[in-house]
Amino acid sequence: MSSNGGHDATAVRDPVTSEAKRTEQVGVETATHSMTGTVTLPADGYRARFSDYLNRQDIDYISLTDVQKTPLGGGPPESYAFLAVARKAIVFGYSLERDAG
């Protein structure tokens, strides 16, 4: 298992903070919608897991890019380049990437 929680995504440097970052494909559900998208996380270390990001008390919104949002009650999915989801509205979240092994 790699030091970034088992994900082998290529890390890039944040141009503002110089911190190494990586992206992860995730899914989240609210009471009314299911969404899949990409979240940016630290490449490794503190708060590198998506579950850590969801549990952060210092943020109010989870930023997703390349989002597919589908109503749970039925209806066509909608696509967004960016969507901010209220952390308190998320019922559950999960990684769409599988750990090797």
PDB file of N, CA and C in Angstrom:
ATOM      1  N   MET A   1       0.848  -1.172   0.000  1.00  0.00           N
ATOM      2  CA  MET A   1       0.000   0.000   0.000  1.00  0.00           C
ATOM      3  C   MET A   1       0.890   1.231   0.000  1.00  0.00           C
ATOM      4  N   SER A   2       0.558   2.200  -0.787  1.00  0.00           N
ATOM      5  CA  SER A   2       1.362   3.415  -0.850  1.00  0.00           C
ATOM      6  C   SER A   2       1.055   4.317   0.325  1.00  0.00           C
ATOM      7  N   SER A   3       1.870   5.335   0.536  1.00  0.00           N
ATOM      8  CA  SER A   3       1.724   6.224   1.681  1.00  0.00           C
ATOM      9  C   SER A   3       0.517   7.140   1.556  1.00  0.00           C
ATOM     10  N   ASN A   4      -0.142   7.177   0.422  1.00  0.00           N
ATOM     11  CA  ASN A   4      -1.298   8.050   0.256  1.00  0.00           C
ATOM     12  C   ASN A   4      -2.610   7.274   0.359  1.00  0.00           C
ATOM     13  N   GLY A   5      -2.634   6.254   1.216  1.00  0.00           N
ATOM     14  CA  GLY A   5      -3.867   5.529   1.447  1.00  0.00           C
ATOM     15  C   GLY A   5      -4.172   4.481   0.397  1.00  0.00           C
ATOM     16  N   GLY A   6      -3.154   4.043  -0.363  1.00  0.00           N
ATOM     17  CA  GLY A   6      -3.359   3.000  -1.338  1.00  0.00           C
ATOM     18  C   GLY A   6      -3.622   3.508  -2.734  1.00  0.00           C
ATOM     19  N   HIS A   7      -3.668   4.804  -2.915  1.00  0.00           N
ATOM     20  CA  HIS A   7      -3.944   5.367  -4.226  1.00  0.00           C
ATOM     21  C   HIS A   7      -2.634   5.765  -4.885  1.00  0.00           C
ATOM     22  N   ASP A   8      -2.502   5.470  -6.153  1.00  0.00           N
ATOM     23  CA  ASP A   8      -1.272   5.748  -6.877  1.00  0.00           C
ATOM     24  C   ASP A   8      -1.424   6.930  -7.821  1.00  0.00           C
ATOM     25  N   ALA A   9      -2.357   7.826  -7.522  1.00  0.00           N
ATOM     26  CA  ALA A   9      -2.554   8.994  -8.369  1.00  0.00           C
ATOM     27  C   ALA A   9      -1.292   9.846  -8.379  1.00  0.00           C
ATOM     28  N   THR A  10      -1.029  10.457  -9.486  1.00  0.00           N
ATOM     29  CA  THR A  10       0.139  11.307  -9.616  1.00  0.00           C
ATOM     30  C   THR A  10      -0.070  12.595  -8.831  1.00  0.00           C
ATOM     31  N   ALA A  11       0.888  12.922  -7.994  1.00  0.00           N
ATOM     32  CA  ALA A  11       0.800  14.137  -7.192  1.00  0.00           C
ATOM     33  C   ALA A  11       1.289  15.325  -8.010  1.00  0.00           C
ATOM     34  N   VAL A  12       0.664  16.460  -7.780  1.00  0.00           N
ATOM     35  CA  VAL A  12       1.087  17.721  -8.382  1.00  0.00           C
ATOM     36  C   VAL A  12       1.267  18.729  -7.262  1.00  0.00           C
ATOM     37  N   ARG A  13       2.021  19.776  -7.511  1.00  0.00           N
ATOM     38  CA  ARG A  13       2.251  20.817  -6.514  1.00  0.00           C
ATOM     39  C   ARG A  13       1.238  21.933  -6.665  1.00  0.00           C
ATOM     40  N   ASP A  14       0.647  22.337  -5.557  1.00  0.00           N
ATOM     41  CA  ASP A  14      -0.250  23.485  -5.540  1.00  0.00           C
ATOM     42  C   ASP A  14       0.594  24.723  -5.800  1.00  0.00           C
ATOM     43  N   PRO A  15       0.265  25.535  -6.821  1.00  0.00           N
ATOM     44  CA  PRO A  15       1.095  26.697  -7.152  1.00  0.00           C
ATOM     45  C   PRO A  15       1.095  27.768  -6.061  1.00  0.00           C
ATOM     46  N   VAL A  16       0.095  27.791  -5.206  1.00  0.00           N
ATOM     47  CA  VAL A  16       0.024  28.805  -4.145  1.00  0.00           C
ATOM     48  C   VAL A  16       0.768  28.357  -2.898  1.00  0.00           C
ATOM     49  N   THR A  17       0.519  27.116  -2.461  1.00  0.00           N
ATOM     50  CA  THR A  17       1.092  26.641  -1.199  1.00  0.00           C
ATOM     51  C   THR A  17       2.314  25.745  -1.385  1.00  0.00           C
ATOM     52  N   SER A  18       2.589  25.293  -2.588  1.00  0.00           N
ATOM     53  CA  SER A  18       3.661  24.340  -2.907  1.00  0.00           C
ATOM     54  C   SER A  18       3.439  22.976  -2.262  1.00  0.00           C
ATOM     55  N   GLU A  19       2.247  22.733  -1.741  1.00  0.00           N
ATOM     56  CA  GLU A  19       1.920  21.452  -1.149  1.00  0.00           C
ATOM     57  C   GLU A  19       1.594  20.449  -2.253  1.00  0.00           C
ATOM     58  N   ALA A  20       2.057  19.214  -2.088  1.00  0.00           N
ATOM     59  CA  ALA A  20       1.748  18.164  -3.055  1.00  0.00           C
ATOM     60  C   ALA A  20       0.281  17.783  -2.920  1.00  0.00           C
ATOM     61  N   LYS A  21      -0.419  17.730  -4.051  1.00  0.00           N
ATOM     62  CA  LYS A  21      -1.843  17.395  -4.085  1.00  0.00           C
ATOM     63  C   LYS A  21      -2.079  16.241  -5.039  1.00  0.00           C
ATOM     64  N   ARG A  22      -3.190  15.567  -4.865  1.00  0.00           N
ATOM     65  CA  ARG A  22      -3.619  14.509  -5.773  1.00  0.00           C
ATOM     66  C   ARG A  22      -5.127  14.596  -5.909  1.00  0.00           C
ATOM     67  N   THR A  23      -5.673  14.000  -6.940  1.00  0.00           N
ATOM     68  CA  THR A  23      -7.119  13.964  -7.109  1.00  0.00           C
ATOM     69  C   THR A  23      -7.632  12.551  -6.876  1.00  0.00           C
ATOM     70  N   GLU A  24      -8.877  12.468  -6.455  1.00  0.00           N
ATOM     71  CA  GLU A  24      -9.504  11.172  -6.207  1.00  0.00           C
ATOM     72  C   GLU A  24     -10.950  11.235  -6.685  1.00  0.00           C
ATOM     73  N   GLN A  25     -11.406  10.184  -7.343  1.00  0.00           N
ATOM     74  CA  GLN A  25     -12.797  10.071  -7.777  1.00  0.00           C
ATOM     75  C   GLN A  25     -13.622   9.622  -6.574  1.00  0.00           C
ATOM     76  N   VAL A  26     -14.696  10.366  -6.269  1.00  0.00           N
ATOM     77  CA  VAL A  26     -15.504  10.073  -5.096  1.00  0.00           C
ATOM     78  C   VAL A  26     -16.985  10.141  -5.428  1.00  0.00           C
ATOM     79  N   GLY A  27     -17.777   9.608  -4.528  1.00  0.00           N
ATOM     80  CA  GLY A  27     -19.221   9.716  -4.594  1.00  0.00           C
ATOM     81  C   GLY A  27     -19.730  10.249  -3.273  1.00  0.00           C
ATOM     82  N   VAL A  28     -20.760  11.079  -3.316  1.00  0.00           N
ATOM     83  CA  VAL A  28     -21.424  11.564  -2.104  1.00  0.00           C
ATOM     84  C   VAL A  28     -22.924  11.524  -2.335  1.00  0.00           C
ATOM     85  N   GLU A  29     -23.657  11.331  -1.247  1.00  0.00           N
ATOM     86  CA  GLU A  29     -25.109  11.385  -1.324  1.00  0.00           C
ATOM     87  C   GLU A  29     -25.633  12.348  -0.289  1.00  0.00           C
ATOM     88  N   THR A  30     -26.629  13.126  -0.708  1.00  0.00           N
ATOM     89  CA  THR A  30     -27.388  13.959   0.213  1.00  0.00           C
ATOM     90  C   THR A  30     -28.760  13.303   0.342  1.00  0.00           C
ATOM     91  N   ALA A  31     -29.664  13.941   1.027  1.00  0.00           N
ATOM     92  CA  ALA A  31     -31.006  13.380   1.163  1.00  0.00           C
ATOM     93  C   ALA A  31     -31.744  13.334  -0.171  1.00  0.00           C
ATOM     94  N   THR A  32     -31.320  14.168  -1.133  1.00  0.00           N
ATOM     95  CA  THR A  32     -32.062  14.275  -2.393  1.00  0.00           C
ATOM     96  C   THR A  32     -31.278  13.904  -3.648  1.00  0.00           C
ATOM     97  N   HIS A  33     -29.926  13.865  -3.576  1.00  0.00           N
ATOM     98  CA  HIS A  33     -29.124  13.634  -4.781  1.00  0.00           C
ATOM     99  C   HIS A  33     -27.942  12.701  -4.519  1.00  0.00           C
ATOM    100  N   SER A  34     -27.553  12.018  -5.564  1.00  0.00           N
ATOM    101  CA  SER A  34     -26.318  11.243  -5.588  1.00  0.00           C
ATOM    102  C   SER A  34     -25.365  11.943  -6.549  1.00  0.00           C
ATOM    103  N   MET A  35     -24.110  12.127  -6.131  1.00  0.00           N
ATOM    104  CA  MET A  35     -23.132  12.835  -6.959  1.00  0.00           C
ATOM    105  C   MET A  35     -21.830  12.064  -7.028  1.00  0.00           C
ATOM    106  N   THR A  36     -21.215  12.096  -8.190  1.00  0.00           N
ATOM    107  CA  THR A  36     -19.862  11.596  -8.342  1.00  0.00           C
ATOM    108  C   THR A  36     -19.029  12.727  -8.921  1.00  0.00           C
ATOM    109  N   GLY A  37     -17.765  12.756  -8.534  1.00  0.00           N
ATOM    110  CA  GLY A  37     -16.888  13.806  -9.023  1.00  0.00           C
ATOM    111  C   GLY A  37     -15.476  13.596  -8.537  1.00  0.00           C
ATOM    112  N   THR A  38     -14.674  14.626  -8.709  1.00  0.00           N
ATOM    113  CA  THR A  38     -13.265  14.577  -8.343  1.00  0.00           C
ATOM    114  C   THR A  38     -13.011  15.563  -7.218  1.00  0.00           C
ATOM    115  N   VAL A  39     -12.300  15.114  -6.203  1.00  0.00           N
ATOM    116  CA  VAL A  39     -11.903  15.961  -5.090  1.00  0.00           C
ATOM    117  C   VAL A  39     -10.379  16.040  -5.071  1.00  0.00           C
ATOM    118  N   THR A  40      -9.843  17.180  -4.665  1.00  0.00           N
ATOM    119  CA  THR A  40      -8.395  17.356  -4.550  1.00  0.00           C
ATOM    120  C   THR A  40      -7.998  17.227  -3.089  1.00  0.00           C
ATOM    121  N   LEU A  41      -7.025  16.358  -2.819  1.00  0.00           N
ATOM    122  CA  LEU A  41      -6.571  16.055  -1.462  1.00  0.00           C
ATOM    123  C   LEU A  41      -5.057  16.192  -1.374  1.00  0.00           C
ATOM    124  N   PRO A  42      -4.516  16.301  -0.152  1.00  0.00           N
ATOM    125  CA  PRO A  42      -3.059  16.243  -0.012  1.00  0.00           C
ATOM    126  C   PRO A  42      -2.540  14.908  -0.559  1.00  0.00           C
ATOM    127  N   ALA A  43      -1.340  14.919  -1.114  1.00  0.00           N
ATOM    128  CA  ALA A  43      -0.776  13.701  -1.709  1.00  0.00           C
ATOM    129  C   ALA A  43      -0.537  12.615  -0.672  1.00  0.00           C
ATOM    130  N   ASP A  44      -0.155  13.003   0.526  1.00  0.00           N
ATOM    131  CA  ASP A  44       0.051  12.027   1.594  1.00  0.00           C
ATOM    132  C   ASP A  44       0.044  12.743   2.932  1.00  0.00           C
ATOM    133  N   GLY A  45       0.119  11.965   3.991  1.00  0.00           N
ATOM    134  CA  GLY A  45       0.192  12.543   5.324  1.00  0.00           C
ATOM    135  C   GLY A  45      -1.161  12.952   5.864  1.00  0.00           C
ATOM    136  N   TYR A  46      -1.111  13.974   6.678  1.00  0.00           N
ATOM    137  CA  TYR A  46      -2.278  14.465   7.403  1.00  0.00           C
ATOM    138  C   TYR A  46      -3.401  14.873   6.454  1.00  0.00           C
ATOM    139  N   ARG A  47      -4.598  14.340   6.688  1.00  0.00           N
ATOM    140  CA  ARG A  47      -5.801  14.639   5.910  1.00  0.00           C
ATOM    141  C   ARG A  47      -5.734  14.180   4.451  1.00  0.00           C
ATOM    142  N   ALA A  48      -4.971  13.130   4.173  1.00  0.00           N
ATOM    143  CA  ALA A  48      -4.825  12.641   2.801  1.00  0.00           C
ATOM    144  C   ALA A  48      -5.975  11.735   2.373  1.00  0.00           C
ATOM    145  N   ARG A  49      -6.757  11.250   3.321  1.00  0.00           N
ATOM    146  CA  ARG A  49      -7.874  10.364   2.971  1.00  0.00           C
ATOM    147  C   ARG A  49      -9.151  11.178   2.784  1.00  0.00           C
ATOM    148  N   PHE A  50     -10.042  10.702   1.915  1.00  0.00           N
ATOM    149  CA  PHE A  50     -11.309  11.376   1.693  1.00  0.00           C
ATOM    150  C   PHE A  50     -12.132  11.420   2.975  1.00  0.00           C
ATOM    151  N   SER A  51     -12.093  10.355   3.765  1.00  0.00           N
ATOM    152  CA  SER A  51     -12.834  10.344   5.035  1.00  0.00           C
ATOM    153  C   SER A  51     -12.340  11.446   5.975  1.00  0.00           C
ATOM    154  N   ASP A  52     -11.038  11.728   5.965  1.00  0.00           N
ATOM    155  CA  ASP A  52     -10.504  12.830   6.775  1.00  0.00           C
ATOM    156  C   ASP A  52     -11.089  14.163   6.303  1.00  0.00           C
ATOM    157  N   TYR A  53     -11.166  14.334   4.991  1.00  0.00           N
ATOM    158  CA  TYR A  53     -11.699  15.562   4.400  1.00  0.00           C
ATOM    159  C   TYR A  53     -13.164  15.761   4.790  1.00  0.00           C
ATOM    160  N   LEU A  54     -13.947  14.689   4.744  1.00  0.00           N
ATOM    161  CA  LEU A  54     -15.358  14.770   5.100  1.00  0.00           C
ATOM    162  C   LEU A  54     -15.569  15.117   6.574  1.00  0.00           C
ATOM    163  N   ASN A  55     -14.637  14.731   7.416  1.00  0.00           N
ATOM    164  CA  ASN A  55     -14.766  14.958   8.856  1.00  0.00           C
ATOM    165  C   ASN A  55     -14.142  16.255   9.350  1.00  0.00           C
ATOM    166  N   ARG A  56     -13.573  17.045   8.465  1.00  0.00           N
ATOM    167  CA  ARG A  56     -12.948  18.313   8.879  1.00  0.00           C
ATOM    168  C   ARG A  56     -14.006  19.274   9.406  1.00  0.00           C
ATOM    169  N   GLN A  57     -13.784  19.797  10.579  1.00  0.00           N
ATOM    170  CA  GLN A  57     -14.712  20.746  11.188  1.00  0.00           C
ATOM    171  C   GLN A  57     -14.478  22.176  10.712  1.00  0.00           C
ATOM    172  N   ASP A  58     -13.351  22.434  10.060  1.00  0.00           N
ATOM    173  CA  ASP A  58     -13.002  23.802   9.662  1.00  0.00           C
ATOM    174  C   ASP A  58     -13.470  24.169   8.255  1.00  0.00           C
ATOM    175  N   ILE A  59     -14.197  23.283   7.585  1.00  0.00           N
ATOM    176  CA  ILE A  59     -14.733  23.598   6.259  1.00  0.00           C
ATOM    177  C   ILE A  59     -16.238  23.353   6.252  1.00  0.00           C
ATOM    178  N   ASP A  60     -16.945  24.149   5.482  1.00  0.00           N
ATOM    179  CA  ASP A  60     -18.397  24.009   5.387  1.00  0.00           C
ATOM    180  C   ASP A  60     -18.834  23.338   4.097  1.00  0.00           C
ATOM    181  N   TYR A  61     -17.975  23.360   3.067  1.00  0.00           N
ATOM    182  CA  TYR A  61     -18.332  22.819   1.756  1.00  0.00           C
ATOM    183  C   TYR A  61     -17.241  21.894   1.231  1.00  0.00           C
ATOM    184  N   ILE A  62     -17.674  20.860   0.519  1.00  0.00           N
ATOM    185  CA  ILE A  62     -16.768  19.950  -0.174  1.00  0.00           C
ATOM    186  C   ILE A  62     -16.785  20.368  -1.639  1.00  0.00           C
ATOM    187  N   SER A  63     -15.620  20.680  -2.189  1.00  0.00           N
ATOM    188  CA  SER A  63     -15.501  21.111  -3.584  1.00  0.00           C
ATOM    189  C   SER A  63     -15.286  19.906  -4.489  1.00  0.00           C
ATOM    190  N   LEU A  64     -16.175  19.743  -5.456  1.00  0.00           N
ATOM    191  CA  LEU A  64     -16.067  18.666  -6.433  1.00  0.00           C
ATOM    192  C   LEU A  64     -15.956  19.260  -7.829  1.00  0.00           C
ATOM    193  N   THR A  65     -15.179  18.624  -8.688  1.00  0.00           N
ATOM    194  CA  THR A  65     -15.089  19.010 -10.088  1.00  0.00           C
ATOM    195  C   THR A  65     -15.544  17.831 -10.947  1.00  0.00           C
ATOM    196  N   ASP A  66     -15.875  18.125 -12.204  1.00  0.00           N
ATOM    197  CA  ASP A  66     -16.340  17.094 -13.142  1.00  0.00           C
ATOM    198  C   ASP A  66     -17.451  16.252 -12.517  1.00  0.00           C
ATOM    199  N   VAL A  67     -18.511  16.918 -12.094  1.00  0.00           N
ATOM    200  CA  VAL A  67     -19.565  16.319 -11.280  1.00  0.00           C
ATOM    201  C   VAL A  67     -20.726  15.813 -12.132  1.00  0.00           C
ATOM    202  N   GLN A  68     -21.214  14.655 -11.761  1.00  0.00           N
ATOM    203  CA  GLN A  68     -22.446  14.089 -12.298  1.00  0.00           C
ATOM    204  C   GLN A  68     -23.422  14.032 -11.120  1.00  0.00           C
ATOM    205  N   LYS A  69     -24.533  14.783 -11.176  1.00  0.00           N
ATOM    206  CA  LYS A  69     -25.510  14.868 -10.086  1.00  0.00           C
ATOM    207  C   LYS A  69     -26.820  14.249 -10.550  1.00  0.00           C
ATOM    208  N   THR A  70     -27.311  13.257  -9.789  1.00  0.00           N
ATOM    209  CA  THR A  70     -28.525  12.547 -10.147  1.00  0.00           C
ATOM    210  C   THR A  70     -29.533  12.629  -9.006  1.00  0.00           C
ATOM    211  N   PRO A  71     -30.771  13.053  -9.282  1.00  0.00           N
ATOM    212  CA  PRO A  71     -31.801  13.074  -8.243  1.00  0.00           C
ATOM    213  C   PRO A  71     -32.115  11.650  -7.769  1.00  0.00           C
ATOM    214  N   LEU A  72     -32.230  11.459  -6.455  1.00  0.00           N
ATOM    215  CA  LEU A  72     -32.541  10.127  -5.929  1.00  0.00           C
ATOM    216  C   LEU A  72     -33.967   9.706  -6.247  1.00  0.00           C
ATOM    217  N   GLY A  73     -34.860  10.663  -6.446  1.00  0.00           N
ATOM    218  CA  GLY A  73     -36.247  10.353  -6.748  1.00  0.00           C
ATOM    219  C   GLY A  73     -36.501  10.073  -8.215  1.00  0.00           C
ATOM    220  N   GLY A  74     -35.442  10.023  -9.006  1.00  0.00           N
ATOM    221  CA  GLY A  74     -35.580   9.805 -10.440  1.00  0.00           C
ATOM    222  C   GLY A  74     -35.405  11.099 -11.200  1.00  0.00           C
ATOM    223  N   GLY A  75     -35.105  10.980 -12.434  1.00  0.00           N
ATOM    224  CA  GLY A  75     -34.872  12.145 -13.275  1.00  0.00           C
ATOM    225  C   GLY A  75     -33.500  12.055 -13.916  1.00  0.00           C
ATOM    226  N   PRO A  76     -33.278  12.881 -14.915  1.00  0.00           N
ATOM    227  CA  PRO A  76     -32.016  12.813 -15.642  1.00  0.00           C
ATOM    228  C   PRO A  76     -30.853  13.378 -14.825  1.00  0.00           C
ATOM    229  N   PRO A  77     -29.663  12.824 -15.016  1.00  0.00           N
ATOM    230  CA  PRO A  77     -28.486  13.374 -14.351  1.00  0.00           C
ATOM    231  C   PRO A  77     -28.103  14.714 -14.980  1.00  0.00           C
ATOM    232  N   GLU A  78     -27.436  15.535 -14.179  1.00  0.00           N
ATOM    233  CA  GLU A  78     -26.928  16.820 -14.650  1.00  0.00           C
ATOM    234  C   GLU A  78     -25.418  16.824 -14.462  1.00  0.00           C
ATOM    235  N   SER A  79     -24.715  17.508 -15.352  1.00  0.00           N
ATOM    236  CA  SER A  79     -23.256  17.595 -15.273  1.00  0.00           C
ATOM    237  C   SER A  79     -22.839  19.011 -14.923  1.00  0.00           C
ATOM    238  N   TYR A  80     -21.813  19.120 -14.091  1.00  0.00           N
ATOM    239  CA  TYR A  80     -21.263  20.406 -13.670  1.00  0.00           C
ATOM    240  C   TYR A  80     -19.747  20.329 -13.698  1.00  0.00           C
ATOM    241  N   ALA A  81     -19.101  21.408 -14.101  1.00  0.00           N
ATOM    242  CA  ALA A  81     -17.638  21.477 -14.037  1.00  0.00           C
ATOM    243  C   ALA A  81     -17.180  21.601 -12.589  1.00  0.00           C
ATOM    244  N   PHE A  82     -17.981  22.297 -11.755  1.00  0.00           N
ATOM    245  CA  PHE A  82     -17.661  22.502 -10.341  1.00  0.00           C
ATOM    246  C   PHE A  82     -18.950  22.534  -9.550  1.00  0.00           C
ATOM    247  N   LEU A  83     -18.919  21.935  -8.366  1.00  0.00           N
ATOM    248  CA  LEU A  83     -20.065  21.969  -7.473  1.00  0.00           C
ATOM    249  C   LEU A  83     -19.548  21.951  -6.040  1.00  0.00           C
ATOM    250  N   ALA A  84     -20.041  22.855  -5.213  1.00  0.00           N
ATOM    251  CA  ALA A  84     -19.713  22.872  -3.787  1.00  0.00           C
ATOM    252  C   ALA A  84     -20.894  22.260  -3.046  1.00  0.00           C
ATOM    253  N   VAL A  85     -20.636  21.212  -2.289  1.00  0.00           N
ATOM    254  CA  VAL A  85     -21.685  20.497  -1.561  1.00  0.00           C
ATOM    255  C   VAL A  85     -21.512  20.797  -0.074  1.00  0.00           C
ATOM    256  N   ALA A  86     -22.583  21.233   0.572  1.00  0.00           N
ATOM    257  CA  ALA A  86     -22.520  21.509   2.010  1.00  0.00           C
ATOM    258  C   ALA A  86     -22.144  20.232   2.750  1.00  0.00           C
ATOM    259  N   ARG A  87     -21.079  20.300   3.529  1.00  0.00           N
ATOM    260  CA  ARG A  87     -20.591  19.122   4.255  1.00  0.00           C
ATOM    261  C   ARG A  87     -21.677  18.558   5.171  1.00  0.00           C
ATOM    262  N   LYS A  88     -22.446  19.429   5.804  1.00  0.00           N
ATOM    263  CA  LYS A  88     -23.498  18.981   6.722  1.00  0.00           C
ATOM    264  C   LYS A  88     -24.648  18.285   6.001  1.00  0.00           C
ATOM    265  N   ALA A  89     -24.800  18.512   4.700  1.00  0.00           N
ATOM    266  CA  ALA A  89     -25.883  17.890   3.929  1.00  0.00           C
ATOM    267  C   ALA A  89     -25.512  16.491   3.442  1.00  0.00           C
ATOM    268  N   ILE A  90     -24.240  16.118   3.530  1.00  0.00           N
ATOM    269  CA  ILE A  90     -23.794  14.820   3.026  1.00  0.00           C
ATOM    270  C   ILE A  90     -24.192  13.718   4.002  1.00  0.00           C
ATOM    271  N   VAL A  91     -24.959  12.745   3.499  1.00  0.00           N
ATOM    272  CA  VAL A  91     -25.387  11.607   4.295  1.00  0.00           C
ATOM    273  C   VAL A  91     -24.267  10.577   4.353  1.00  0.00           C
ATOM    274  N   PHE A  92     -23.639  10.312   3.206  1.00  0.00           N
ATOM    275  CA  PHE A  92     -22.445   9.462   3.186  1.00  0.00           C
ATOM    276  C   PHE A  92     -21.606   9.766   1.960  1.00  0.00           C
ATOM    277  N   GLY A  93     -20.332   9.418   2.057  1.00  0.00           N
ATOM    278  CA  GLY A  93     -19.386   9.626   0.972  1.00  0.00           C
ATOM    279  C   GLY A  93     -18.490   8.419   0.842  1.00  0.00           C
ATOM    280  N   TYR A  94     -17.954   8.215  -0.340  1.00  0.00           N
ATOM    281  CA  TYR A  94     -17.118   7.043  -0.583  1.00  0.00           C
ATOM    282  C   TYR A  94     -16.161   7.311  -1.735  1.00  0.00           C
ATOM    283  N   SER A  95     -15.066   6.584  -1.731  1.00  0.00           N
ATOM    284  CA  SER A  95     -14.098   6.658  -2.821  1.00  0.00           C
ATOM    285  C   SER A  95     -14.547   5.727  -3.937  1.00  0.00           C
ATOM    286  N   LEU A  96     -14.405   6.169  -5.158  1.00  0.00           N
ATOM    287  CA  LEU A  96     -14.714   5.321  -6.310  1.00  0.00           C
ATOM    288  C   LEU A  96     -13.488   4.541  -6.770  1.00  0.00           C
ATOM    289  N   GLU A  97     -12.356   4.833  -6.150  1.00  0.00           N
ATOM    290  CA  GLU A  97     -11.112   4.138  -6.498  1.00  0.00           C
ATOM    291  C   GLU A  97     -10.927   2.974  -5.556  1.00  0.00           C
ATOM    292  N   ARG A  98     -10.422   1.899  -6.100  1.00  0.00           N
ATOM    293  CA  ARG A  98     -10.226   0.692  -5.305  1.00  0.00           C
ATOM    294  C   ARG A  98      -8.767   0.588  -4.887  1.00  0.00           C
ATOM    295  N   ASP A  99      -8.565   0.154  -3.634  1.00  0.00           N
ATOM    296  CA  ASP A  99      -7.207  -0.106  -3.157  1.00  0.00           C
ATOM    297  C   ASP A  99      -6.655  -1.335  -3.861  1.00  0.00           C
ATOM    298  N   ALA A 100      -5.372  -1.277  -4.207  1.00  0.00           N
ATOM    299  CA  ALA A 100      -4.725  -2.448  -4.795  1.00  0.00           C
ATOM    300  C   ALA A 100      -4.507  -3.478  -3.708  1.00  0.00           C
ATOM    301  N   GLY A 101      -4.694  -4.712  -4.057  1.00  0.00           N
ATOM    302  CA  GLY A 101      -4.405  -5.752  -3.087  1.00  0.00           C
ATOM    303  C   GLY A 101      -5.505  -6.627  -2.741  1.00  0.00           C
TER     304      GLY A 101
END
